[in-house]
Protein backbone atom coordinates (compact mmCIF):
# COMPACT_ATOMS: atom_id res chain seq x y z
CA MET A 1 4.78 18.95 -7.42
CA ARG A 2 3.38 16.36 -6.78
CA THR A 3 4.14 14.55 -3.00
CA PRO A 4 5.55 11.22 -3.66
CA LEU A 5 3.67 8.22 -1.96
CA LEU A 6 5.80 4.90 -2.06
CA ALA A 7 3.16 2.67 -0.71
CA GLY A 8 3.60 -1.19 0.59
CA ASN A 9 0.99 -3.58 0.09
CA TRP A 10 1.58 -6.31 2.67
CA LYS A 11 -0.91 -8.58 1.13
CA MET A 12 -1.20 -11.50 2.83
CA HIS A 13 2.04 -11.71 5.59
CA GLY A 14 1.90 -11.74 8.83
CA THR A 15 0.18 -11.64 12.10
CA ALA A 16 -0.96 -9.19 14.28
CA ASP A 17 2.56 -9.19 15.93
CA GLU A 18 4.54 -10.18 13.51
CA ALA A 19 2.78 -6.54 11.60
CA ARG A 20 3.55 -5.26 15.13
CA THR A 21 6.94 -5.33 14.14
CA LEU A 22 7.63 -4.76 11.06
CA ALA A 23 5.79 -1.27 11.61
CA ALA A 24 7.68 -0.26 14.58
CA SER A 25 11.19 -1.12 12.42
CA LEU A 26 10.06 0.87 9.63
CA LYS A 27 8.81 3.48 12.46
CA SER A 28 12.60 4.03 13.89
CA ARG A 29 14.07 3.88 9.87
CA LEU A 30 12.03 5.79 8.30
CA ALA A 31 11.73 8.65 11.38
CA ASP A 32 13.61 11.42 9.58
CA VAL A 33 11.46 10.86 5.94
CA ASP A 34 9.34 14.44 6.04
CA ASP A 35 9.62 15.21 2.22
CA ARG A 36 7.82 11.95 0.43
CA ASP A 37 4.49 10.01 1.69
CA VAL A 38 4.84 6.60 3.12
CA LEU A 39 1.95 4.28 3.41
CA ILE A 40 1.63 0.92 4.59
CA ALA A 41 -1.28 -2.13 3.86
CA PRO A 42 -1.36 -5.11 6.44
CA PRO A 43 -3.32 -7.61 6.61
CA PHE A 44 -7.03 -6.79 8.18
CA THR A 45 -6.48 -9.01 11.13
CA ALA A 46 -3.37 -6.49 11.97
CA LEU A 47 -4.71 -3.15 11.29
CA ALA A 48 -5.35 -2.49 14.75
CA ALA A 49 -2.27 -3.33 16.12
CA VAL A 50 0.42 -1.61 13.06
CA ALA A 51 -2.73 1.31 13.77
CA GLU A 52 -1.65 1.40 17.28
CA SER A 53 2.44 0.75 16.13
CA ILE A 54 2.24 4.23 14.15
CA GLU A 55 0.19 6.06 16.14
CA GLY A 56 1.45 9.64 15.97
CA THR A 57 4.41 9.21 13.53
CA ARG A 58 3.32 10.53 9.38
CA LEU A 59 3.27 7.01 8.49
CA LEU A 60 -0.08 6.47 6.47
CA LEU A 61 -2.30 3.28 6.74
CA ALA A 62 -4.80 1.47 4.51
CA ALA A 63 -6.46 -1.48 4.13
CA GLN A 64 -6.40 -3.69 0.90
CA ASN A 65 -9.82 -4.36 -0.07
CA LEU A 66 -13.79 -3.49 1.51
CA HIS A 67 -16.97 -4.07 0.68
CA TRP A 68 -19.59 -1.44 -0.62
CA GLU A 69 -21.73 -1.72 1.66
CA ASP A 70 -21.23 -0.30 5.12
CA ARG A 71 -23.37 -3.73 6.47
CA GLY A 72 -25.32 -6.38 5.90
CA ALA A 73 -25.09 -10.22 5.37
CA TYR A 74 -22.21 -10.53 3.80
CA THR A 75 -19.45 -13.12 5.86
CA GLY A 76 -16.17 -12.06 5.28
CA GLU A 77 -16.46 -8.69 4.10
CA VAL A 78 -15.07 -5.56 5.78
CA SER A 79 -17.00 -2.28 5.26
CA ALA A 80 -15.20 1.56 5.20
CA PRO A 81 -16.99 2.60 8.84
CA MET A 82 -14.90 -0.11 10.23
CA LEU A 83 -11.73 0.49 8.38
CA VAL A 84 -12.05 4.43 9.40
CA ALA A 85 -12.73 3.15 12.76
CA VAL A 86 -9.48 1.05 12.83
CA GLY A 87 -7.44 4.07 11.86
CA CYS A 88 -7.12 3.72 7.70
CA THR A 89 -6.97 6.87 5.64
CA HIS A 90 -6.64 4.77 2.46
CA VAL A 91 -7.88 1.71 1.04
CA ILE A 92 -6.73 -0.65 -2.46
CA VAL A 93 -9.51 -0.88 -4.71
CA GLY A 94 -9.19 -2.95 -7.56
CA HIS A 95 -5.64 -4.11 -7.48
CA SER A 96 -5.10 -7.20 -9.78
CA GLU A 97 -5.29 -10.43 -7.52
CA ARG A 98 -8.71 -9.24 -6.58
CA ARG A 99 -9.77 -8.84 -10.29
CA GLN A 100 -7.87 -12.28 -11.44
CA TYR A 101 -8.77 -14.45 -8.08
CA PHE A 102 -11.85 -13.19 -6.70
CA GLY A 103 -13.67 -11.96 -9.26
CA ASP A 104 -13.43 -8.21 -8.77
CA THR A 105 -15.12 -6.46 -11.99
CA ASP A 106 -15.34 -2.57 -13.03
CA GLU A 107 -18.58 -2.63 -11.73
CA TRP A 108 -17.82 -3.56 -8.44
CA VAL A 109 -14.67 -1.98 -8.54
CA CYS A 110 -16.97 1.55 -9.24
CA ARG A 111 -19.09 0.45 -6.58
CA LYS A 112 -16.05 0.20 -3.87
CA MET A 113 -14.18 3.70 -4.88
CA LYS A 114 -17.70 5.32 -4.02
CA ALA A 115 -17.88 3.77 -0.58
CA ALA A 116 -14.70 4.79 0.02
CA LEU A 117 -15.10 8.24 -0.80
CA ARG A 118 -18.79 8.12 0.75
CA HIS A 119 -16.53 7.86 4.29
CA ASP A 120 -13.41 9.76 3.36
CA LEU A 121 -11.47 6.98 2.95
CA ILE A 122 -9.26 8.07 -0.05
CA PRO A 123 -8.91 4.84 -2.66
CA ILE A 124 -5.96 3.87 -4.45
CA LEU A 125 -7.20 2.69 -7.34
CA CYS A 126 -5.20 -0.02 -9.28
CA VAL A 127 -5.43 -0.60 -12.99
CA GLY A 128 -3.09 -2.65 -15.72
CA GLU A 129 -3.01 -5.00 -18.69
CA THR A 130 -2.01 -8.91 -18.69
CA LEU A 131 0.51 -9.84 -20.52
CA GLN A 132 -1.65 -10.81 -23.41
CA GLU A 133 -2.84 -7.60 -23.78
CA ARG A 134 0.03 -5.89 -23.60
CA GLU A 135 1.65 -8.11 -26.58
CA ALA A 136 -1.58 -6.79 -28.48
CA ASN A 137 -0.81 -3.09 -27.57
CA ARG A 138 -3.78 -3.02 -26.31
CA THR A 139 -2.31 -1.10 -22.35
CA ILE A 140 -3.29 2.27 -23.40
CA GLU A 141 -6.98 1.12 -24.22
CA ILE A 142 -7.07 -1.08 -21.53
CA VAL A 143 -5.84 1.39 -18.52
CA GLU A 144 -8.37 3.97 -20.13
CA GLU A 145 -11.38 2.32 -20.06
CA GLN A 146 -10.24 0.76 -16.33
CA ILE A 147 -10.40 4.37 -14.99
CA ARG A 148 -13.60 5.36 -17.14
CA ALA A 149 -15.07 2.41 -15.30
CA ALA A 150 -13.99 3.26 -12.19
CA LEU A 151 -14.62 6.93 -12.05
CA GLU A 152 -18.09 6.46 -13.51
CA GLY A 153 -20.51 8.60 -11.40
CA LEU A 154 -17.92 10.64 -9.67
CA ASP A 155 -17.76 14.38 -9.69
CA THR A 156 -14.77 16.01 -9.90
CA GLU A 157 -14.34 16.57 -6.33
CA GLY A 158 -14.64 12.71 -5.47
CA ILE A 159 -12.19 12.35 -8.94
CA GLY A 160 -9.69 14.74 -7.90
CA ARG A 161 -9.04 12.78 -4.47
CA VAL A 162 -8.77 9.41 -5.97
CA VAL A 163 -4.42 7.93 -6.06
CA VAL A 164 -4.21 6.05 -8.96
CA ALA A 165 -1.82 3.39 -8.91
CA TYR A 166 -0.97 1.43 -12.53
CA GLU A 167 0.64 -2.05 -11.85
CA PRO A 168 0.46 -4.32 -15.35
CA ARG A 169 -0.58 -7.27 -14.30
CA TRP A 170 2.28 -9.48 -16.05
CA ALA A 171 4.80 -7.99 -13.74
CA ILE A 172 2.87 -8.47 -10.38
CA GLY A 173 4.99 -11.29 -8.44
CA THR A 174 6.71 -12.29 -11.47
CA GLY A 175 10.07 -10.35 -11.35
CA LYS A 176 9.38 -8.45 -14.43
CA VAL A 177 9.07 -5.09 -14.40
CA ALA A 178 7.61 -2.24 -16.53
CA THR A 179 10.84 -0.33 -18.35
CA PRO A 180 10.15 3.31 -17.16
CA GLN A 181 9.70 4.29 -20.69
CA GLN A 182 6.86 1.75 -20.45
CA ALA A 183 5.36 3.04 -17.67
CA GLN A 184 5.56 6.73 -18.00
CA GLU A 185 3.54 6.27 -21.80
CA ALA A 186 1.29 4.30 -19.39
CA HIS A 187 0.91 6.78 -16.90
CA ALA A 188 0.73 9.94 -18.98
CA ALA A 189 -1.74 8.13 -20.43
CA ILE A 190 -3.84 7.53 -17.05
CA ARG A 191 -3.42 11.61 -16.55
CA ARG A 192 -4.93 12.65 -20.10
CA ARG A 193 -7.82 10.20 -19.25
CA ILE A 194 -8.45 11.55 -15.68
CA ALA A 195 -8.81 15.13 -17.43
CA GLN A 196 -11.00 14.30 -19.92
CA LEU A 197 -13.32 13.13 -17.28
CA SER A 198 -12.94 16.08 -14.93
CA ARG A 199 -10.22 19.09 -15.57
CA GLU A 200 -6.49 19.40 -16.47
CA ASP A 201 -5.74 21.35 -12.82
CA VAL A 202 -7.06 17.82 -11.19
CA ALA A 203 -5.16 15.70 -13.73
CA GLN A 204 -1.91 17.25 -12.73
CA ARG A 205 -2.87 17.22 -8.95
CA THR A 206 -3.61 13.02 -9.12
CA ARG A 207 -0.71 11.20 -8.06
CA ILE A 208 -0.30 7.85 -10.18
CA LEU A 209 1.92 4.92 -8.60
CA TYR A 210 3.88 2.14 -10.37
CA GLY A 211 3.13 -1.09 -9.09
CA GLY A 212 5.17 -4.05 -10.48
CA SER A 213 7.79 -5.76 -8.61
CA VAL A 214 9.47 -2.72 -7.87
CA LYS A 215 13.23 -3.13 -5.92
CA PRO A 216 15.32 -0.88 -4.62
CA ASP A 217 17.64 -1.17 -8.18
CA ASN A 218 14.94 -0.35 -10.08
CA VAL A 219 13.09 2.56 -8.08
CA ASP A 220 15.73 5.43 -9.50
CA ALA A 221 14.89 4.78 -12.88
CA LEU A 222 11.32 4.43 -12.52
CA MET A 223 10.88 7.32 -10.04
CA SER A 224 13.18 9.48 -13.08
CA GLN A 225 10.40 9.68 -14.84
CA PRO A 226 7.49 12.68 -14.88
CA ASP A 227 4.39 11.53 -14.73
CA LEU A 228 5.49 8.78 -11.93
CA ASP A 229 4.64 10.20 -8.65
CA GLY A 230 5.36 7.09 -6.48
CA THR A 231 4.77 3.51 -6.17
CA LEU A 232 2.45 0.65 -4.88
CA VAL A 233 5.22 -2.23 -3.35
CA GLY A 234 4.03 -5.83 -2.60
CA GLY A 235 7.27 -8.37 -1.97
CA ALA A 236 10.08 -5.53 -1.14
CA SER A 237 7.50 -4.31 1.68
CA LEU A 238 7.89 -6.56 3.58
CA ASP A 239 11.72 -6.47 3.90
CA VAL A 240 12.90 -3.79 6.22
CA ASP A 241 15.96 -2.82 4.13
CA ASP A 242 14.46 -2.78 0.56
CA PHE A 243 11.48 -1.17 2.18
CA SER A 244 13.61 2.00 3.15
CA ARG A 245 15.56 2.41 0.40
CA ILE A 246 12.46 2.45 -2.08
CA VAL A 247 11.26 5.30 0.52
CA ARG A 248 14.90 6.83 -0.22
CA PHE A 249 14.15 6.50 -3.94
CA GLN A 250 16.76 9.27 -5.75
CA SER A 251 15.82 11.41 -8.60
CA PRO A 252 16.65 14.28 -10.70
CA TRP A 253 13.38 16.14 -9.32
CA SER A 254 13.78 15.00 -5.70
CA SER A 255 17.60 15.47 -5.19
């Protein structure tokens, strides 16, 4: 059984003090959770404060992005060694907003994946289709190609360390959400593609998260699907009550 992973992407929200307060509240509310993993991804400027706040707990810390080089003249960028030094264990790579607004290409995503793995950061690889691609029945084609491109050049061991997040771009921040059946179809396709690129046992161990307007009132239905291993939550992760309820999802196999 794959251990569920519930991840909160705080995006560009929160000063260091605000992030510290939110992290402290989550630490208190989720102190008894020990059968699933919980991860939070604050902005870069709040990583150190949050790392200090959650020290000694089971909460995991992730960054929202990284550069593929370890150092250099890359104004405004942050490298994998910097993230490790501040206490990160994970990093989000290829989020749809990075692809849409900041020009992250499949090639860049692949280079970032390799940089993360080189420094023992676990990458959370985001893939997903646009509304136009969904309506053209290209969802499976798109996510399979994104998976192939992102994992190109990685050996089986490297692929086995990756977490994948399926996030249909038409559901990010829109209030729309894939049906459990739509999410399951995409997740199953992702798992098949990973098996093709590595081995079946690696694919069966890989955690595949769903991201896209996850809320307390839809998480149980989503998590009832066999290939959904957790969630990558945006806006709802900024609300202690909402995120705590999402973390405490109920499904037939978790009860």
